[in-house]
Amino acid sequence: GKPLAIADFPGQVIVLNVWGSWCAECREERAD
């Protein structure tokens, strides 16, 4: 419930991961 933006992390490398709780492949990669 908090605001979140990539702009909150200046100078950092950002990893964005698109996922859904219903996605089997997302479950496969979550531990990695």
PDB file of all heavy atoms in Angstrom:
ATOM      1  N   GLY A   1       0.771  -1.235   0.000  1.00  0.00           N
ATOM      2  CA  GLY A   1       0.000   0.000   0.000  1.00  0.00           C
ATOM      3  C   GLY A   1       0.803   1.285   0.000  1.00  0.00           C
ATOM      4  O   GLY A   1       0.245   2.367   0.168  1.00  0.00           O
ATOM      5  N   LYS A   2       2.101   1.212  -0.237  1.00  0.00           N
ATOM      6  CA  LYS A   2       2.956   2.402  -0.232  1.00  0.00           C
ATOM      7  C   LYS A   2       3.308   2.804  -1.658  1.00  0.00           C
ATOM      8  O   LYS A   2       3.413   1.958  -2.547  1.00  0.00           O
ATOM      9  CB  LYS A   2       4.230   2.129   0.554  1.00  0.00           C
ATOM     10  CG  LYS A   2       3.972   1.808   2.013  1.00  0.00           C
ATOM     11  CD  LYS A   2       5.257   1.472   2.724  1.00  0.00           C
ATOM     12  CE  LYS A   2       4.948   1.072   4.172  1.00  0.00           C
ATOM     13  NZ  LYS A   2       6.094   0.454   4.801  1.00  0.00           N
ATOM     14  N   PRO A   3       3.546   4.101  -1.894  1.00  0.00           N
ATOM     15  CA  PRO A   3       3.996   4.530  -3.223  1.00  0.00           C
ATOM     16  C   PRO A   3       5.377   3.936  -3.523  1.00  0.00           C
ATOM     17  O   PRO A   3       6.216   3.818  -2.625  1.00  0.00           O
ATOM     18  CB  PRO A   3       4.081   6.059  -3.123  1.00  0.00           C
ATOM     19  CG  PRO A   3       3.556   6.434  -1.799  1.00  0.00           C
ATOM     20  CD  PRO A   3       3.408   5.215  -0.963  1.00  0.00           C
ATOM     21  N   LEU A   4       5.588   3.568  -4.781  1.00  0.00           N
ATOM     22  CA  LEU A   4       6.845   2.959  -5.187  1.00  0.00           C
ATOM     23  C   LEU A   4       7.141   3.384  -6.622  1.00  0.00           C
ATOM     24  O   LEU A   4       6.253   3.341  -7.477  1.00  0.00           O
ATOM     25  CB  LEU A   4       6.738   1.426  -5.100  1.00  0.00           C
ATOM     26  CG  LEU A   4       7.944   0.592  -5.495  1.00  0.00           C
ATOM     27  CD1 LEU A   4       9.144   0.897  -4.608  1.00  0.00           C
ATOM     28  CD2 LEU A   4       7.597  -0.891  -5.433  1.00  0.00           C
ATOM     29  N   ALA A   5       8.381   3.816  -6.862  1.00  0.00           N
ATOM     30  CA  ALA A   5       8.775   4.270  -8.201  1.00  0.00           C
ATOM     31  C   ALA A   5      10.261   4.014  -8.412  1.00  0.00           C
ATOM     32  O   ALA A   5      11.046   4.031  -7.443  1.00  0.00           O
ATOM     33  CB  ALA A   5       8.488   5.759  -8.362  1.00  0.00           C
ATOM     34  N   ILE A   6      10.655   3.813  -9.665  1.00  0.00           N
ATOM     35  CA  ILE A   6      12.082   3.655  -9.938  1.00  0.00           C
ATOM     36  C   ILE A   6      12.824   4.941  -9.601  1.00  0.00           C
ATOM     37  O   ILE A   6      13.997   4.884  -9.228  1.00  0.00           O
ATOM     38  CB  ILE A   6      12.371   3.188 -11.382  1.00  0.00           C
ATOM     39  CG1 ILE A   6      11.888   4.188 -12.417  1.00  0.00           C
ATOM     40  CG2 ILE A   6      11.801   1.807 -11.635  1.00  0.00           C
ATOM     41  CD1 ILE A   6      12.336   3.865 -13.846  1.00  0.00           C
ATOM     42  N   ALA A   7      12.159   6.078  -9.688  1.00  0.00           N
ATOM     43  CA  ALA A   7      12.790   7.353  -9.351  1.00  0.00           C
ATOM     44  C   ALA A   7      13.214   7.415  -7.883  1.00  0.00           C
ATOM     45  O   ALA A   7      14.059   8.240  -7.512  1.00  0.00           O
ATOM     46  CB  ALA A   7      11.845   8.509  -9.668  1.00  0.00           C
ATOM     47  N   ASP A   8      12.686   6.526  -7.046  1.00  0.00           N
ATOM     48  CA  ASP A   8      13.069   6.471  -5.626  1.00  0.00           C
ATOM     49  C   ASP A   8      14.470   5.897  -5.436  1.00  0.00           C
ATOM     50  O   ASP A   8      14.981   5.907  -4.316  1.00  0.00           O
ATOM     51  CB  ASP A   8      12.088   5.586  -4.836  1.00  0.00           C
ATOM     52  CG  ASP A   8      10.669   6.120  -4.831  1.00  0.00           C
ATOM     53  OD1 ASP A   8      10.470   7.333  -5.025  1.00  0.00           O
ATOM     54  OD2 ASP A   8       9.752   5.297  -4.648  1.00  0.00           O
ATOM     55  N   PHE A   9      15.096   5.407  -6.516  1.00  0.00           N
ATOM     56  CA  PHE A   9      16.380   4.719  -6.419  1.00  0.00           C
ATOM     57  C   PHE A   9      17.393   5.300  -7.405  1.00  0.00           C
ATOM     58  O   PHE A   9      17.905   4.598  -8.279  1.00  0.00           O
ATOM     59  CB  PHE A   9      16.189   3.216  -6.658  1.00  0.00           C
ATOM     60  CG  PHE A   9      15.144   2.609  -5.757  1.00  0.00           C
ATOM     61  CD1 PHE A   9      13.850   2.408  -6.211  1.00  0.00           C
ATOM     62  CD2 PHE A   9      15.452   2.288  -4.445  1.00  0.00           C
ATOM     63  CE1 PHE A   9      12.875   1.870  -5.376  1.00  0.00           C
ATOM     64  CE2 PHE A   9      14.490   1.763  -3.597  1.00  0.00           C
ATOM     65  CZ  PHE A   9      13.202   1.557  -4.062  1.00  0.00           C
ATOM     66  N   PRO A  10      17.717   6.598  -7.271  1.00  0.00           N
ATOM     67  CA  PRO A  10      18.649   7.224  -8.215  1.00  0.00           C
ATOM     68  C   PRO A  10      20.030   6.579  -8.136  1.00  0.00           C
ATOM     69  O   PRO A  10      20.499   6.209  -7.064  1.00  0.00           O
ATOM     70  CB  PRO A  10      18.686   8.682  -7.753  1.00  0.00           C
ATOM     71  CG  PRO A  10      18.265   8.660  -6.324  1.00  0.00           C
ATOM     72  CD  PRO A  10      17.313   7.500  -6.200  1.00  0.00           C
ATOM     73  N   GLY A  11      20.642   6.412  -9.302  1.00  0.00           N
ATOM     74  CA  GLY A  11      21.988   5.876  -9.372  1.00  0.00           C
ATOM     75  C   GLY A  11      22.106   4.385  -9.154  1.00  0.00           C
ATOM     76  O   GLY A  11      23.211   3.842  -9.157  1.00  0.00           O
ATOM     77  N   GLN A  12      20.983   3.703  -8.988  1.00  0.00           N
ATOM     78  CA  GLN A  12      21.018   2.258  -8.782  1.00  0.00           C
ATOM     79  C   GLN A  12      20.622   1.523 -10.057  1.00  0.00           C
ATOM     80  O   GLN A  12      19.786   1.994 -10.819  1.00  0.00           O
ATOM     81  CB  GLN A  12      20.059   1.838  -7.663  1.00  0.00           C
ATOM     82  CG  GLN A  12      20.512   2.284  -6.287  1.00  0.00           C
ATOM     83  CD  GLN A  12      19.628   1.718  -5.206  1.00  0.00           C
ATOM     84  OE1 GLN A  12      18.470   2.062  -5.111  1.00  0.00           O
ATOM     85  NE2 GLN A  12      20.194   0.844  -4.391  1.00  0.00           N
ATOM     86  N   VAL A  13      21.237   0.367 -10.272  1.00  0.00           N
ATOM     87  CA  VAL A  13      20.760  -0.550 -11.302  1.00  0.00           C
ATOM     88  C   VAL A  13      19.423  -1.075 -10.798  1.00  0.00           C
ATOM     89  O   VAL A  13      19.269  -1.396  -9.623  1.00  0.00           O
ATOM     90  CB  VAL A  13      21.758  -1.707 -11.531  1.00  0.00           C
ATOM     91  CG1 VAL A  13      21.163  -2.777 -12.436  1.00  0.00           C
ATOM     92  CG2 VAL A  13      23.074  -1.175 -12.097  1.00  0.00           C
ATOM     93  N   ILE A  14      18.432  -1.132 -11.684  1.00  0.00           N
ATOM     94  CA  ILE A  14      17.092  -1.596 -11.320  1.00  0.00           C
ATOM     95  C   ILE A  14      16.779  -2.866 -12.096  1.00  0.00           C
ATOM     96  O   ILE A  14      16.994  -2.939 -13.310  1.00  0.00           O
ATOM     97  CB  ILE A  14      16.011  -0.539 -11.665  1.00  0.00           C
ATOM     98  CG1 ILE A  14      16.320   0.821 -11.042  1.00  0.00           C
ATOM     99  CG2 ILE A  14      14.615  -1.042 -11.311  1.00  0.00           C
ATOM    100  CD1 ILE A  14      16.035   0.943  -9.585  1.00  0.00           C
ATOM    101  N   VAL A  15      16.276  -3.868 -11.392  1.00  0.00           N
ATOM    102  CA  VAL A  15      15.784  -5.093 -12.018  1.00  0.00           C
ATOM    103  C   VAL A  15      14.269  -5.092 -11.856  1.00  0.00           C
ATOM    104  O   VAL A  15      13.762  -5.119 -10.734  1.00  0.00           O
ATOM    105  CB  VAL A  15      16.396  -6.352 -11.364  1.00  0.00           C
ATOM    106  CG1 VAL A  15      15.771  -7.619 -11.957  1.00  0.00           C
ATOM    107  CG2 VAL A  15      17.911  -6.364 -11.534  1.00  0.00           C
ATOM    108  N   LEU A  16      13.554  -5.001 -12.971  1.00  0.00           N
ATOM    109  CA  LEU A  16      12.091  -5.049 -12.968  1.00  0.00           C
ATOM    110  C   LEU A  16      11.676  -6.451 -13.392  1.00  0.00           C
ATOM    111  O   LEU A  16      12.124  -6.936 -14.432  1.00  0.00           O
ATOM    112  CB  LEU A  16      11.513  -4.042 -13.957  1.00  0.00           C
ATOM    113  CG  LEU A  16      11.840  -2.572 -13.714  1.00  0.00           C
ATOM    114  CD1 LEU A  16      11.382  -1.724 -14.897  1.00  0.00           C
ATOM    115  CD2 LEU A  16      11.185  -2.092 -12.430  1.00  0.00           C
ATOM    116  N   ASN A  17      10.839  -7.080 -12.595  1.00  0.00           N
ATOM    117  CA  ASN A  17      10.363  -8.418 -12.940  1.00  0.00           C
ATOM    118  C   ASN A  17       8.845  -8.394 -13.014  1.00  0.00           C
ATOM    119  O   ASN A  17       8.180  -8.099 -12.024  1.00  0.00           O
ATOM    120  CB  ASN A  17      10.828  -9.454 -11.913  1.00  0.00           C
ATOM    121  CG  ASN A  17      10.291 -10.828 -12.224  1.00  0.00           C
ATOM    122  OD1 ASN A  17       9.342 -11.288 -11.612  1.00  0.00           O
ATOM    123  ND2 ASN A  17      10.890 -11.490 -13.208  1.00  0.00           N
ATOM    124  N   VAL A  18       8.312  -8.680 -14.195  1.00  0.00           N
ATOM    125  CA  VAL A  18       6.866  -8.727 -14.415  1.00  0.00           C
ATOM    126  C   VAL A  18       6.388 -10.134 -14.085  1.00  0.00           C
ATOM    127  O   VAL A  18       6.903 -11.113 -14.634  1.00  0.00           O
ATOM    128  CB  VAL A  18       6.522  -8.361 -15.879  1.00  0.00           C
ATOM    129  CG1 VAL A  18       5.019  -8.373 -16.079  1.00  0.00           C
ATOM    130  CG2 VAL A  18       7.120  -7.007 -16.251  1.00  0.00           C
ATOM    131  N   TRP A  19       5.402 -10.239 -13.201  1.00  0.00           N
ATOM    132  CA  TRP A  19       4.941 -11.529 -12.719  1.00  0.00           C
ATOM    133  C   TRP A  19       3.458 -11.488 -12.391  1.00  0.00           C
ATOM    134  O   TRP A  19       2.840 -10.435 -12.358  1.00  0.00           O
ATOM    135  CB  TRP A  19       5.744 -11.956 -11.484  1.00  0.00           C
ATOM    136  CG  TRP A  19       5.548 -11.056 -10.292  1.00  0.00           C
ATOM    137  CD1 TRP A  19       6.192  -9.882 -10.030  1.00  0.00           C
ATOM    138  CD2 TRP A  19       4.626 -11.240  -9.216  1.00  0.00           C
ATOM    139  NE1 TRP A  19       5.733  -9.324  -8.860  1.00  0.00           N
ATOM    140  CE2 TRP A  19       4.761 -10.141  -8.336  1.00  0.00           C
ATOM    141  CE3 TRP A  19       3.694 -12.226  -8.917  1.00  0.00           C
ATOM    142  CZ2 TRP A  19       4.004 -10.008  -7.176  1.00  0.00           C
ATOM    143  CZ3 TRP A  19       2.943 -12.081  -7.756  1.00  0.00           C
ATOM    144  CH2 TRP A  19       3.108 -10.995  -6.904  1.00  0.00           C
ATOM    145  N   GLY A  20       2.910 -12.654 -12.119  1.00  0.00           N
ATOM    146  CA  GLY A  20       1.548 -12.793 -11.618  1.00  0.00           C
ATOM    147  C   GLY A  20       1.491 -14.023 -10.724  1.00  0.00           C
ATOM    148  O   GLY A  20       2.195 -15.004 -10.974  1.00  0.00           O
ATOM    149  N   SER A  21       0.662 -13.992  -9.702  1.00  0.00           N
ATOM    150  CA  SER A  21       0.574 -15.129  -8.778  1.00  0.00           C
ATOM    151  C   SER A  21       0.046 -16.380  -9.477  1.00  0.00           C
ATOM    152  O   SER A  21       0.278 -17.493  -9.023  1.00  0.00           O
ATOM    153  CB  SER A  21      -0.308 -14.784  -7.583  1.00  0.00           C
ATOM    154  OG  SER A  21      -1.644 -14.558  -7.992  1.00  0.00           O
ATOM    155  N   TRP A  22      -0.633 -16.217 -10.587  1.00  0.00           N
ATOM    156  CA  TRP A  22      -1.243 -17.296 -11.354  1.00  0.00           C
ATOM    157  C   TRP A  22      -0.284 -17.910 -12.372  1.00  0.00           C
ATOM    158  O   TRP A  22      -0.608 -18.889 -13.038  1.00  0.00           O
ATOM    159  CB  TRP A  22      -2.468 -16.752 -12.089  1.00  0.00           C
ATOM    160  CG  TRP A  22      -2.171 -15.423 -12.724  1.00  0.00           C
ATOM    161  CD1 TRP A  22      -2.422 -14.188 -12.200  1.00  0.00           C
ATOM    162  CD2 TRP A  22      -1.520 -15.188 -13.975  1.00  0.00           C
ATOM    163  NE1 TRP A  22      -1.971 -13.191 -13.047  1.00  0.00           N
ATOM    164  CE2 TRP A  22      -1.412 -13.784 -14.143  1.00  0.00           C
ATOM    165  CE3 TRP A  22      -1.015 -16.020 -14.957  1.00  0.00           C
ATOM    166  CZ2 TRP A  22      -0.812 -13.205 -15.260  1.00  0.00           C
ATOM    167  CZ3 TRP A  22      -0.425 -15.439 -16.076  1.00  0.00           C
ATOM    168  CH2 TRP A  22      -0.338 -14.045 -16.210  1.00  0.00           C
ATOM    169  N   CYS A  23       0.903 -17.362 -12.518  1.00  0.00           N
ATOM    170  CA  CYS A  23       1.845 -17.716 -13.590  1.00  0.00           C
ATOM    171  C   CYS A  23       2.799 -18.832 -13.140  1.00  0.00           C
ATOM    172  O   CYS A  23       3.595 -18.647 -12.221  1.00  0.00           O
ATOM    173  CB  CYS A  23       2.627 -16.455 -13.965  1.00  0.00           C
ATOM    174  SG  CYS A  23       4.088 -16.714 -14.981  1.00  0.00           S
ATOM    175  N   ALA A  24       2.720 -19.972 -13.807  1.00  0.00           N
ATOM    176  CA  ALA A  24       3.570 -21.120 -13.453  1.00  0.00           C
ATOM    177  C   ALA A  24       5.052 -20.816 -13.632  1.00  0.00           C
ATOM    178  O   ALA A  24       5.875 -21.172 -12.792  1.00  0.00           O
ATOM    179  CB  ALA A  24       3.174 -22.339 -14.293  1.00  0.00           C
ATOM    180  N   GLU A  25       5.423 -20.149 -14.733  1.00  0.00           N
ATOM    181  CA  GLU A  25       6.825 -19.820 -14.972  1.00  0.00           C
ATOM    182  C   GLU A  25       7.351 -18.844 -13.919  1.00  0.00           C
ATOM    183  O   GLU A  25       8.517 -18.875 -13.559  1.00  0.00           O
ATOM    184  CB  GLU A  25       7.037 -19.244 -16.376  1.00  0.00           C
ATOM    185  CG  GLU A  25       6.925 -20.286 -17.464  1.00  0.00           C
ATOM    186  CD  GLU A  25       5.529 -20.304 -18.089  1.00  0.00           C
ATOM    187  OE1 GLU A  25       4.624 -19.611 -17.595  1.00  0.00           O
ATOM    188  OE2 GLU A  25       5.355 -21.033 -19.080  1.00  0.00           O
ATOM    189  N   CYS A  26       6.471 -17.971 -13.408  1.00  0.00           N
ATOM    190  CA  CYS A  26       6.870 -17.039 -12.349  1.00  0.00           C
ATOM    191  C   CYS A  26       7.223 -17.815 -11.080  1.00  0.00           C
ATOM    192  O   CYS A  26       8.189 -17.476 -10.384  1.00  0.00           O
ATOM    193  CB  CYS A  26       5.752 -16.039 -12.056  1.00  0.00           C
ATOM    194  SG  CYS A  26       5.290 -15.033 -13.483  1.00  0.00           S
ATOM    195  N   ARG A  27       6.457 -18.845 -10.801  1.00  0.00           N
ATOM    196  CA  ARG A  27       6.753 -19.685  -9.633  1.00  0.00           C
ATOM    197  C   ARG A  27       8.087 -20.406  -9.822  1.00  0.00           C
ATOM    198  O   ARG A  27       8.834 -20.604  -8.869  1.00  0.00           O
ATOM    199  CB  ARG A  27       5.620 -20.673  -9.382  1.00  0.00           C
ATOM    200  CG  ARG A  27       4.373 -19.983  -8.831  1.00  0.00           C
ATOM    201  CD  ARG A  27       3.322 -20.974  -8.374  1.00  0.00           C
ATOM    202  NE  ARG A  27       2.732 -21.765  -9.446  1.00  0.00           N
ATOM    203  CZ  ARG A  27       1.723 -21.371 -10.218  1.00  0.00           C
ATOM    204  NH1 ARG A  27       1.175 -20.177 -10.028  1.00  0.00           N
ATOM    205  NH2 ARG A  27       1.246 -22.155 -11.149  1.00  0.00           N
ATOM    206  N   GLU A  28       8.405 -20.801 -11.063  1.00  0.00           N
ATOM    207  CA  GLU A  28       9.676 -21.474 -11.348  1.00  0.00           C
ATOM    208  C   GLU A  28      10.870 -20.584 -11.037  1.00  0.00           C
ATOM    209  O   GLU A  28      11.893 -21.063 -10.557  1.00  0.00           O
ATOM    210  CB  GLU A  28       9.754 -21.873 -12.825  1.00  0.00           C
ATOM    211  CG  GLU A  28       8.903 -23.039 -13.213  1.00  0.00           C
ATOM    212  CD  GLU A  28       9.023 -23.341 -14.700  1.00  0.00           C
ATOM    213  OE1 GLU A  28      10.064 -23.022 -15.315  1.00  0.00           O
ATOM    214  OE2 GLU A  28       8.066 -23.899 -15.245  1.00  0.00           O
ATOM    215  N   GLU A  29      10.770 -19.298 -11.348  1.00  0.00           N
ATOM    216  CA  GLU A  29      11.925 -18.418 -11.220  1.00  0.00           C
ATOM    217  C   GLU A  29      12.016 -17.707  -9.868  1.00  0.00           C
ATOM    218  O   GLU A  29      13.026 -17.080  -9.574  1.00  0.00           O
ATOM    219  CB  GLU A  29      11.942 -17.388 -12.350  1.00  0.00           C
ATOM    220  CG  GLU A  29      10.885 -16.316 -12.222  1.00  0.00           C
ATOM    221  CD  GLU A  29      10.966 -15.235 -13.293  1.00  0.00           C
ATOM    222  OE1 GLU A  29      11.823 -15.295 -14.197  1.00  0.00           O
ATOM    223  OE2 GLU A  29      10.149 -14.316 -13.211  1.00  0.00           O
ATOM    224  N   ARG A  30      10.997 -17.791  -9.040  1.00  0.00           N
ATOM    225  CA  ARG A  30      10.944 -16.967  -7.825  1.00  0.00           C
ATOM    226  C   ARG A  30      12.116 -17.197  -6.880  1.00  0.00           C
ATOM    227  O   ARG A  30      12.647 -16.255  -6.313  1.00  0.00           O
ATOM    228  CB  ARG A  30       9.625 -17.144  -7.108  1.00  0.00           C
ATOM    229  CG  ARG A  30       9.455 -18.472  -6.427  1.00  0.00           C
ATOM    230  CD  ARG A  30       8.126 -18.582  -5.733  1.00  0.00           C
ATOM    231  NE  ARG A  30       8.014 -19.906  -5.153  1.00  0.00           N
ATOM    232  CZ  ARG A  30       6.906 -20.529  -4.944  1.00  0.00           C
ATOM    233  NH1 ARG A  30       5.762 -19.954  -5.264  1.00  0.00           N
ATOM    234  NH2 ARG A  30       6.895 -21.717  -4.417  1.00  0.00           N
ATOM    235  N   ALA A  31      12.538 -18.437  -6.675  1.00  0.00           N
ATOM    236  CA  ALA A  31      13.662 -18.697  -5.765  1.00  0.00           C
ATOM    237  C   ALA A  31      14.956 -18.102  -6.316  1.00  0.00           C
ATOM    238  O   ALA A  31      15.763 -17.532  -5.561  1.00  0.00           O
ATOM    239  CB  ALA A  31      13.813 -20.190  -5.515  1.00  0.00           C
ATOM    240  N   ASP A  32      15.164 -18.215  -7.640  1.00  0.00           N
ATOM    241  CA  ASP A  32      16.361 -17.641  -8.250  1.00  0.00           C
ATOM    242  C   ASP A  32      16.349 -16.116  -8.156  1.00  0.00           C
ATOM    243  O   ASP A  32      17.377 -15.494  -7.885  1.00  0.00           O
ATOM    244  CB  ASP A  32      16.482 -18.071  -9.716  1.00  0.00           C
ATOM    245  CG  ASP A  32      17.029 -19.481  -9.868  1.00  0.00           C
ATOM    246  OD1 ASP A  32      17.642 -20.003  -8.919  1.00  0.00           O
ATOM    247  OD2 ASP A  32      16.848 -20.060 -10.954  1.00  0.00           O
TER     248      ASP A  32
END
